[in-house]
Amino acid sequence: MPPQRTVADRLLEGDSTVAAGLARGLLKPQRDNLVERPWGGERLCAFKRLEPTVCASGRTFGESFELSADDGDDEARVHPSVLPLQDGSTITLPALLAVHADALLGEAFVRHYGRRFPLLPKLLDVAELLSVQAHPPGNTEVYVIVDAEPGATIRLGFAADVDPAAFRAKLAAGRRDQQRLLESLGAESAAELQRVLKPWLARRGARPAELTGSLSARLAAGVEWGAVEALLASLHEVYWAALDALNAIPVKAGDVIYNANPPRVTAASGAPASAEVHALGNPENRGVFALEIRRPGPTFRAWDNVRFPLRDIDIEAALGALNLEATTPADFVVEPKLVRPGVRRSVDCEHFRLEHLDLVAGLGVDVPASPPHSLHALAGRARLEGGDGRALGTLERGESALVPAGVGAYRVSADGALAALVKVDLPPYAD
């Protein structure tokens, strides 16, 4: 007897009846699409209510790819969203859309965006300082701060006009000194270097002599400690020069930070808004937990804050994508505005629109029929019902969903005292 065909098999074979059923409900991926990062922490598993076996001790997950369905992005291709189906089988979201995008997203959406979902929303657990980085021109991003330790900051935008030649030379010299330091102490010392240097670099007044006891015994043959001290002093100076070139923006739970060129910059250049230089996190390692809304695409690291082992950087690509004029923290902090009871709108740009659904017991929010969009639960548990009263499902903290075009209008309410969702729309907007 041939093996029984699963729902996933039928979808991959083009079964339009099964796809039509999916098009009338939430496409809710598995919650465990986690990515380990050297700067990550240990909060994602608890936030997403994952089994302890997923989050073995010592693993640092920095990101959760909430809706990943764009194979044109290198990382999204490696970490696609996986949808559980009613018979227990699973299918990746990119594979599903490759066959059934017209039914799930609508023909107009597919004509505009292709057979993909053109956003890459993530949850970020920033426990340490990220690299100084940029994105391709035209790509902006939003950080909805879910939680932050007291005193936490992120670095965003240049605080003063930057001379590209001088900044490029400083970062390139720092990278060369970092390589020389590794060679002076032996390539096998990379992990130990990271452990020793991380807290030392984070202190502005730190001196190389403080590391004599920790590192002098590791000197490669023929290397003098004085030469290593000079490299350490140079790297400490570049570490702080790079960070001090950026605005330090305090963040707390509920803040919305829009990483995009200020209007005065786009007005002068005539170019679409792009992300500014940024390095999420802070040298004090005060944690930041956030929902990031961004378009798929590469990240260009300009500088990796003397992190070991060495990771690839591309100073030229990063600086070529950046606005080098001064900005201020006020350019990026967004105050959401009430648009109707229970709904606040923060970012409304040419790539996406963010609405914050603040749900309390007894107060439902009606969402009009609109093109495909995403929902992200940041607190509590929400219940969704279609315009005809049919149950669409629930979204609980740490879960996300793609809402197909066929869902139409729906009502969302708190399944408990309160719930908080972020709704992300793509143009053309319904209103």
Protein backbone atom coordinates (compact mmCIF):
# COMPACT_ATOMS: atom_id res chain seq x y z
CA MET A 1 0.00 0.00 0.00
CA PRO A 2 1.45 3.39 -0.94
CA PRO A 3 2.08 5.79 1.94
CA GLN A 4 -0.81 8.11 2.77
CA ARG A 5 -0.43 11.60 1.36
CA THR A 6 -0.18 14.29 4.02
CA VAL A 7 -1.75 17.73 3.85
CA ALA A 8 1.72 19.10 3.14
CA ASP A 9 2.07 16.67 0.22
CA ARG A 10 -1.27 17.75 -1.19
CA LEU A 11 -0.35 21.43 -0.92
CA LEU A 12 2.99 20.89 -2.66
CA GLU A 13 1.16 19.00 -5.39
CA GLY A 14 -1.07 22.04 -5.96
CA ASP A 15 -4.28 21.02 -4.18
CA SER A 16 -6.32 24.23 -4.46
CA THR A 17 -9.07 23.02 -2.13
CA VAL A 18 -6.69 22.68 0.80
CA ALA A 19 -5.09 26.04 -0.04
CA ALA A 20 -8.52 27.70 -0.12
CA GLY A 21 -9.13 26.47 3.41
CA LEU A 22 -5.83 27.93 4.60
CA ALA A 23 -6.67 31.24 2.94
CA ARG A 24 -9.60 31.74 5.32
CA GLY A 25 -7.56 31.52 8.54
CA LEU A 26 -4.33 32.62 10.18
CA LEU A 27 -1.04 31.28 8.90
CA LYS A 28 0.72 30.88 12.25
CA PRO A 29 4.28 29.51 12.07
CA GLN A 30 5.98 27.43 14.70
CA ARG A 31 7.46 29.59 17.46
CA ASP A 32 10.93 28.06 17.55
CA ASN A 33 12.62 29.66 14.51
CA LEU A 34 15.50 30.87 16.69
CA VAL A 35 18.95 31.98 15.53
CA GLU A 36 22.03 31.90 17.73
CA ARG A 37 24.08 35.10 17.80
CA PRO A 38 27.23 35.99 19.76
CA TRP A 39 25.39 39.00 21.21
CA GLY A 40 22.20 37.11 22.08
CA GLY A 41 20.73 36.34 25.47
CA GLU A 42 18.45 33.84 27.15
CA ARG A 43 15.05 35.55 27.04
CA LEU A 44 13.54 34.39 23.76
CA CYS A 45 12.71 30.90 24.96
CA ALA A 46 10.78 32.14 28.01
CA PHE A 47 9.04 34.90 26.05
CA LYS A 48 7.89 32.42 23.43
CA ARG A 49 7.04 29.72 26.01
CA LEU A 50 9.28 27.11 24.41
CA GLU A 51 10.20 23.76 25.89
CA PRO A 52 13.45 23.69 27.91
CA THR A 53 14.89 21.16 25.46
CA VAL A 54 14.87 23.85 22.75
CA CYS A 55 16.94 26.21 24.86
CA ALA A 56 19.82 24.19 26.23
CA SER A 57 21.96 25.95 28.80
CA GLY A 58 24.70 28.13 27.35
CA ARG A 59 23.03 28.78 23.99
CA THR A 60 22.58 32.47 23.21
CA PHE A 61 19.68 33.11 20.84
CA GLY A 62 19.70 36.65 19.51
CA GLU A 63 16.86 36.49 17.00
CA SER A 64 13.60 34.77 16.23
CA PHE A 65 12.59 34.97 12.57
CA GLU A 66 8.87 35.54 13.04
CA LEU A 67 7.72 35.46 9.40
CA SER A 68 10.43 34.35 7.02
CA ALA A 69 9.27 33.78 3.46
CA ASP A 70 11.68 35.46 1.06
CA ASP A 71 14.33 33.21 -0.48
CA GLY A 72 16.03 36.27 -1.94
CA ASP A 73 17.40 36.99 1.55
CA ASP A 74 20.33 34.71 2.41
CA GLU A 75 19.38 34.32 6.08
CA ALA A 76 15.65 34.03 5.44
CA ARG A 77 16.42 31.20 3.03
CA VAL A 78 18.32 29.34 5.76
CA HIS A 79 15.69 30.04 8.44
CA PRO A 80 12.28 29.81 6.74
CA SER A 81 9.07 29.89 8.75
CA VAL A 82 7.50 26.46 9.18
CA LEU A 83 3.71 26.06 9.31
CA PRO A 84 2.10 23.19 11.22
CA LEU A 85 -0.89 21.68 9.42
CA GLN A 86 -4.02 19.99 10.74
CA ASP A 87 -2.74 16.45 10.25
CA GLY A 88 0.59 17.09 12.01
CA SER A 89 2.60 17.54 8.83
CA THR A 90 4.50 20.77 8.20
CA ILE A 91 5.39 22.97 5.25
CA THR A 92 7.72 25.92 4.95
CA LEU A 93 6.07 29.23 4.22
CA PRO A 94 8.25 29.89 1.13
CA ALA A 95 7.32 26.47 -0.30
CA LEU A 96 3.64 27.12 0.36
CA LEU A 97 3.72 30.54 -1.30
CA ALA A 98 5.68 29.22 -4.27
CA VAL A 99 2.65 27.07 -5.15
CA HIS A 100 -0.32 28.93 -3.67
CA ALA A 101 0.60 32.63 -3.44
CA ASP A 102 -2.33 33.69 -5.62
CA ALA A 103 -4.84 31.98 -3.34
CA LEU A 104 -3.24 33.11 -0.07
CA LEU A 105 -1.95 36.58 -0.92
CA GLY A 106 -4.18 37.59 -3.81
CA GLU A 107 -3.28 38.23 -7.42
CA ALA A 108 -2.78 41.98 -6.95
CA PHE A 109 -0.34 41.39 -4.07
CA VAL A 110 1.59 38.82 -6.11
CA ARG A 111 1.83 41.17 -9.10
CA HIS A 112 3.29 43.85 -6.81
CA TYR A 113 5.58 41.79 -4.56
CA GLY A 114 6.00 38.36 -6.13
CA ARG A 115 5.35 35.00 -4.50
CA ARG A 116 6.81 35.97 -1.13
CA PHE A 117 6.14 38.02 1.97
CA PRO A 118 8.39 41.06 1.56
CA LEU A 119 9.12 41.74 5.24
CA LEU A 120 11.40 39.96 7.69
CA PRO A 121 10.03 40.71 11.17
CA LYS A 122 12.13 39.46 14.07
CA LEU A 123 12.19 39.38 17.82
CA LEU A 124 15.59 40.50 19.11
CA ASP A 125 17.17 39.62 22.44
CA VAL A 126 20.08 42.06 22.56
CA ALA A 127 22.21 41.09 25.55
CA GLU A 128 25.47 42.56 24.23
CA LEU A 129 26.59 45.25 21.82
CA LEU A 130 25.95 44.54 18.12
CA SER A 131 28.22 45.59 15.28
CA VAL A 132 28.21 49.06 13.75
CA GLN A 133 26.20 48.37 10.60
CA ALA A 134 24.14 49.56 7.66
CA HIS A 135 21.56 48.23 5.19
CA PRO A 136 21.14 48.77 1.44
CA PRO A 137 19.72 52.11 0.30
CA GLY A 138 15.95 52.24 0.61
CA ASN A 139 15.76 49.80 3.52
CA THR A 140 14.47 51.22 6.79
CA GLU A 141 13.51 49.42 10.00
CA VAL A 142 11.54 49.88 13.21
CA TYR A 143 12.31 48.71 16.75
CA VAL A 144 9.32 48.27 19.06
CA ILE A 145 10.87 47.99 22.52
CA VAL A 146 9.17 45.18 24.42
CA ASP A 147 11.45 45.42 27.46
CA ALA A 148 14.74 47.00 28.43
CA GLU A 149 16.92 47.00 31.51
CA PRO A 150 17.17 50.32 33.36
CA GLY A 151 19.70 52.59 31.67
CA ALA A 152 19.70 50.63 28.40
CA THR A 153 20.61 52.48 25.21
CA ILE A 154 21.05 51.78 21.53
CA ARG A 155 23.37 53.59 19.12
CA LEU A 156 21.66 55.12 16.08
CA GLY A 157 22.63 57.79 13.57
CA PHE A 158 25.83 59.82 13.46
CA ALA A 159 25.96 62.44 16.22
CA ALA A 160 28.13 64.79 14.11
CA ASP A 161 29.03 65.09 10.44
CA VAL A 162 31.47 62.34 9.47
CA ASP A 163 34.46 62.62 7.17
CA PRO A 164 34.15 59.35 5.23
CA ALA A 165 37.86 59.07 4.42
CA ALA A 166 38.93 59.58 8.03
CA PHE A 167 36.26 57.27 9.44
CA ARG A 168 37.06 54.59 6.86
CA ALA A 169 40.77 54.80 7.67
CA LYS A 170 40.14 54.54 11.42
CA LEU A 171 37.97 51.45 11.09
CA ALA A 172 40.33 49.80 8.63
CA ALA A 173 43.30 50.44 10.95
CA GLY A 174 41.33 48.99 13.84
CA ARG A 175 40.58 45.85 11.85
CA ARG A 176 44.26 45.45 10.97
CA ASP A 177 45.26 45.90 14.61
CA GLN A 178 42.69 43.33 15.65
CA GLN A 179 44.19 40.80 13.24
CA ARG A 180 47.70 41.61 14.51
CA LEU A 181 46.59 41.14 18.09
CA LEU A 182 45.20 37.70 17.26
CA GLU A 183 48.44 36.76 15.50
CA SER A 184 50.49 38.04 18.45
CA LEU A 185 48.61 35.83 20.90
CA GLY A 186 47.84 32.84 18.69
CA ALA A 187 44.71 32.07 16.70
CA GLU A 188 43.65 29.53 19.33
CA SER A 189 43.29 32.44 21.78
CA ALA A 190 40.22 33.95 20.03
CA ALA A 191 37.62 32.74 22.55
CA GLU A 192 39.79 33.70 25.52
CA LEU A 193 40.48 37.11 23.98
CA GLN A 194 36.75 37.76 23.69
CA ARG A 195 36.20 36.78 27.33
CA VAL A 196 39.03 39.00 28.59
CA LEU A 197 38.62 42.00 26.29
CA LYS A 198 34.84 42.45 26.39
CA PRO A 199 34.62 43.92 29.93
CA TRP A 200 37.96 45.71 29.51
CA LEU A 201 36.92 47.48 26.32
CA ALA A 202 33.64 48.58 27.90
CA ARG A 203 35.47 50.68 30.52
CA ARG A 204 36.47 54.06 29.13
CA GLY A 205 39.43 54.42 31.47
CA ALA A 206 40.84 50.94 30.96
CA ARG A 207 44.61 50.62 30.47
CA PRO A 208 46.51 47.88 28.60
CA ALA A 209 48.69 47.17 31.63
CA GLU A 210 45.63 45.75 33.39
CA LEU A 211 45.71 42.79 30.98
CA THR A 212 49.33 41.81 31.53
CA GLY A 213 48.47 38.94 33.86
CA SER A 214 45.72 37.62 31.59
CA LEU A 215 47.46 37.79 28.22
CA SER A 216 51.25 38.06 28.54
CA ALA A 217 51.67 34.29 28.98
CA ARG A 218 50.01 33.76 25.58
CA LEU A 219 52.53 35.73 23.54
CA ALA A 220 53.60 34.08 20.29
CA ALA A 221 57.30 33.46 19.80
CA GLY A 222 59.26 36.66 19.21
CA VAL A 223 56.41 38.99 20.22
CA GLU A 224 57.15 41.63 22.87
CA TRP A 225 54.48 42.60 25.40
CA GLY A 226 55.07 46.27 24.61
CA ALA A 227 53.89 45.70 21.04
CA VAL A 228 50.73 44.03 22.33
CA GLU A 229 50.08 46.91 24.72
CA ALA A 230 50.27 49.34 21.79
CA LEU A 231 47.74 47.27 19.84
CA LEU A 232 45.41 47.14 22.85
CA ALA A 233 45.62 50.90 23.34
CA SER A 234 44.84 51.50 19.67
CA LEU A 235 41.89 49.11 19.68
CA HIS A 236 40.44 50.64 22.84
CA GLU A 237 40.59 54.08 21.22
CA VAL A 238 38.86 52.90 18.00
CA TYR A 239 36.21 51.01 19.99
CA TRP A 240 35.12 54.17 21.79
CA ALA A 241 35.64 56.50 18.81
CA ALA A 242 33.25 54.39 16.75
CA LEU A 243 30.60 54.28 19.48
CA ASP A 244 30.93 57.96 20.32
CA ALA A 245 30.39 58.85 16.67
CA LEU A 246 26.80 57.58 17.07
CA ASN A 247 23.89 58.93 19.11
CA ALA A 248 23.21 57.01 22.32
CA ILE A 249 19.41 56.75 22.59
CA PRO A 250 17.87 55.64 25.91
CA VAL A 251 15.12 53.05 25.46
CA LYS A 252 12.42 51.57 27.66
CA ALA A 253 9.44 49.26 27.25
CA GLY A 254 6.83 50.75 24.91
CA ASP A 255 9.22 52.97 22.94
CA VAL A 256 9.10 52.94 19.15
CA ILE A 257 12.31 53.80 17.31
CA TYR A 258 12.14 54.36 13.55
CA ASN A 259 15.53 53.90 11.92
CA ALA A 260 15.25 56.04 8.81
CA ASN A 261 16.90 59.15 7.42
CA PRO A 262 15.28 62.29 8.83
CA PRO A 263 13.04 64.14 6.34
CA ARG A 264 15.58 66.96 5.98
CA VAL A 265 18.14 64.43 4.71
CA THR A 266 15.82 62.83 2.16
CA ALA A 267 14.59 66.26 1.04
CA ALA A 268 18.15 67.37 0.35
CA SER A 269 19.22 64.14 -1.39
CA GLY A 270 16.01 63.34 -3.27
CA ALA A 271 16.63 59.66 -2.46
CA PRO A 272 14.24 57.31 -0.66
CA ALA A 273 14.64 57.04 3.09
CA SER A 274 17.25 54.51 4.22
CA ALA A 275 18.39 53.15 7.57
CA GLU A 276 20.98 55.18 9.44
CA VAL A 277 24.14 53.72 10.92
CA HIS A 278 23.28 51.69 14.02
CA ALA A 279 24.70 49.42 16.70
CA LEU A 280 21.92 48.01 18.84
CA GLY A 281 22.75 47.35 22.46
CA ASN A 282 25.33 49.10 24.60
CA PRO A 283 28.80 48.47 26.06
CA GLU A 284 27.30 48.09 29.55
CA ASN A 285 25.37 45.00 28.34
CA ARG A 286 22.04 46.39 29.57
CA GLY A 287 19.59 44.17 27.75
CA VAL A 288 17.09 45.28 25.12
CA PHE A 289 14.25 43.05 23.91
CA ALA A 290 12.49 44.30 20.79
CA LEU A 291 10.30 43.51 17.81
CA GLU A 292 12.13 44.57 14.66
CA ILE A 293 10.20 45.26 11.47
CA ARG A 294 12.39 45.40 8.39
CA ARG A 295 12.58 44.45 4.76
CA PRO A 296 14.65 41.43 3.70
CA GLY A 297 18.16 42.22 2.55
CA PRO A 298 21.80 42.14 3.59
CA THR A 299 23.50 43.77 6.55
CA PHE A 300 26.82 45.54 5.99
CA ARG A 301 29.09 45.49 9.04
CA ALA A 302 31.41 48.48 9.19
CA TRP A 303 32.98 47.58 12.55
CA ASP A 304 32.48 44.68 14.95
CA ASN A 305 33.61 46.29 18.22
CA VAL A 306 36.80 44.19 18.48
CA ARG A 307 34.79 40.96 18.67
CA PHE A 308 36.57 37.61 18.51
CA PRO A 309 36.47 35.32 16.58
CA LEU A 310 36.70 37.77 13.70
CA ARG A 311 33.59 38.09 11.52
CA ASP A 312 33.42 39.53 8.00
CA ILE A 313 33.11 43.28 7.67
CA ASP A 314 32.62 45.50 4.61
CA ILE A 315 33.52 49.07 5.51
CA GLU A 316 33.17 50.33 1.95
CA ALA A 317 29.66 48.92 1.42
CA ALA A 318 28.49 50.15 4.81
CA LEU A 319 29.71 53.72 4.40
CA GLY A 320 28.41 53.80 0.83
CA ALA A 321 24.90 53.09 2.09
CA LEU A 322 24.88 55.63 4.91
CA ASN A 323 23.92 59.22 5.53
CA LEU A 324 27.08 60.80 6.96
CA GLU A 325 25.41 63.98 8.21
CA ALA A 326 24.62 64.64 11.86
CA THR A 327 21.37 63.44 13.41
CA THR A 328 19.85 63.65 16.88
CA PRO A 329 17.97 61.12 19.04
CA ALA A 330 14.76 63.08 18.48
CA ASP A 331 14.98 62.22 14.76
CA PHE A 332 14.19 58.58 15.53
CA VAL A 333 11.87 58.40 18.54
CA VAL A 334 8.23 58.02 17.45
CA GLU A 335 5.16 58.75 19.57
CA PRO A 336 2.27 56.54 18.40
CA LYS A 337 -0.96 58.45 17.72
CA LEU A 338 -4.45 57.22 18.54
CA VAL A 339 -6.42 56.59 15.34
CA ARG A 340 -9.47 54.94 16.90
CA PRO A 341 -10.27 53.28 20.23
CA GLY A 342 -7.73 50.56 20.94
CA VAL A 343 -5.54 51.38 17.94
CA ARG A 344 -2.44 53.58 17.83
CA ARG A 345 -0.35 54.17 14.71
CA SER A 346 3.40 54.79 14.94
CA VAL A 347 5.21 54.39 11.60
CA ASP A 348 3.49 55.02 8.27
CA CYS A 349 5.99 54.95 5.42
CA GLU A 350 6.35 53.78 1.85
CA HIS A 351 7.37 50.26 2.93
CA PHE A 352 5.13 49.42 5.90
CA ARG A 353 2.65 50.75 8.42
CA LEU A 354 2.64 49.82 12.10
CA GLU A 355 -0.47 49.84 14.24
CA HIS A 356 -0.51 48.93 17.92
CA LEU A 357 -3.64 47.11 19.06
CA ASP A 358 -4.11 47.72 22.79
CA LEU A 359 -6.70 45.21 23.91
CA VAL A 360 -8.49 45.13 27.25
CA ALA A 361 -11.30 42.92 28.49
CA GLY A 362 -14.62 44.00 27.05
CA LEU A 363 -13.13 46.14 24.28
CA GLY A 364 -12.76 44.50 20.87
CA VAL A 365 -11.07 46.09 17.87
CA ASP A 366 -12.56 45.72 14.41
CA VAL A 367 -10.02 45.35 11.62
CA PRO A 368 -11.36 46.16 8.14
CA ALA A 369 -10.75 43.84 5.20
CA SER A 370 -7.27 44.55 3.92
CA PRO A 371 -4.43 43.02 1.88
CA PRO A 372 -2.18 40.40 3.51
CA HIS A 373 -0.51 41.66 6.68
CA SER A 374 1.24 40.38 9.77
CA LEU A 375 0.27 40.28 13.43
CA HIS A 376 2.70 39.99 16.34
CA ALA A 377 1.59 39.29 19.92
CA LEU A 378 3.74 41.10 22.48
CA ALA A 379 1.62 40.57 25.60
CA GLY A 380 -1.29 38.43 26.75
CA ARG A 381 -3.50 36.36 24.50
CA ALA A 382 -5.79 37.64 21.73
CA ARG A 383 -8.78 35.96 20.13
CA LEU A 384 -9.70 36.63 16.49
CA GLU A 385 -13.11 36.17 14.88
CA GLY A 386 -14.06 36.62 11.25
CA GLY A 387 -16.70 39.07 10.13
CA ASP A 388 -19.14 36.16 9.87
CA GLY A 389 -18.46 35.13 13.48
CA ARG A 390 -16.25 32.13 12.69
CA ALA A 391 -13.24 31.59 14.95
CA LEU A 392 -9.95 32.43 13.26
CA GLY A 393 -7.77 31.35 16.17
CA THR A 394 -5.70 32.93 18.90
CA LEU A 395 -2.36 34.70 19.17
CA GLU A 396 -0.44 34.47 22.41
CA ARG A 397 2.66 36.37 23.52
CA GLY A 398 5.61 35.39 21.33
CA GLU A 399 3.47 34.25 18.39
CA SER A 400 3.10 35.84 14.96
CA ALA A 401 0.78 35.25 12.04
CA LEU A 402 0.41 36.09 8.39
CA VAL A 403 -3.19 37.09 7.69
CA PRO A 404 -4.16 36.03 4.14
CA ALA A 405 -6.25 38.21 1.86
CA GLY A 406 -9.17 35.80 2.10
CA VAL A 407 -9.70 36.40 5.82
CA GLY A 408 -11.43 39.70 5.15
CA ALA A 409 -12.63 41.84 8.05
CA TYR A 410 -12.17 40.45 11.54
CA ARG A 411 -12.48 41.36 15.20
CA VAL A 412 -9.69 40.96 17.73
CA SER A 413 -10.21 40.98 21.49
CA ALA A 414 -8.29 40.15 24.65
CA ASP A 415 -8.70 36.60 25.88
CA GLY A 416 -8.10 37.70 29.46
CA ALA A 417 -7.44 41.04 31.13
CA LEU A 418 -5.33 42.51 28.32
CA ALA A 419 -3.32 41.77 25.21
CA ALA A 420 -1.03 43.76 22.92
CA LEU A 421 -0.55 43.13 19.21
CA VAL A 422 1.41 44.90 16.51
CA LYS A 423 -0.20 44.88 13.05
CA VAL A 424 2.05 45.51 10.07
CA ASP A 425 0.54 46.43 6.69
CA LEU A 426 2.17 46.77 3.31
CA PRO A 427 1.18 49.27 0.64
CA PRO A 428 -1.20 49.85 -1.00
CA TYR A 429 -2.91 50.48 2.30
CA ALA A 430 -6.63 49.81 2.75
CA ASP A 431 -7.39 53.39 3.88
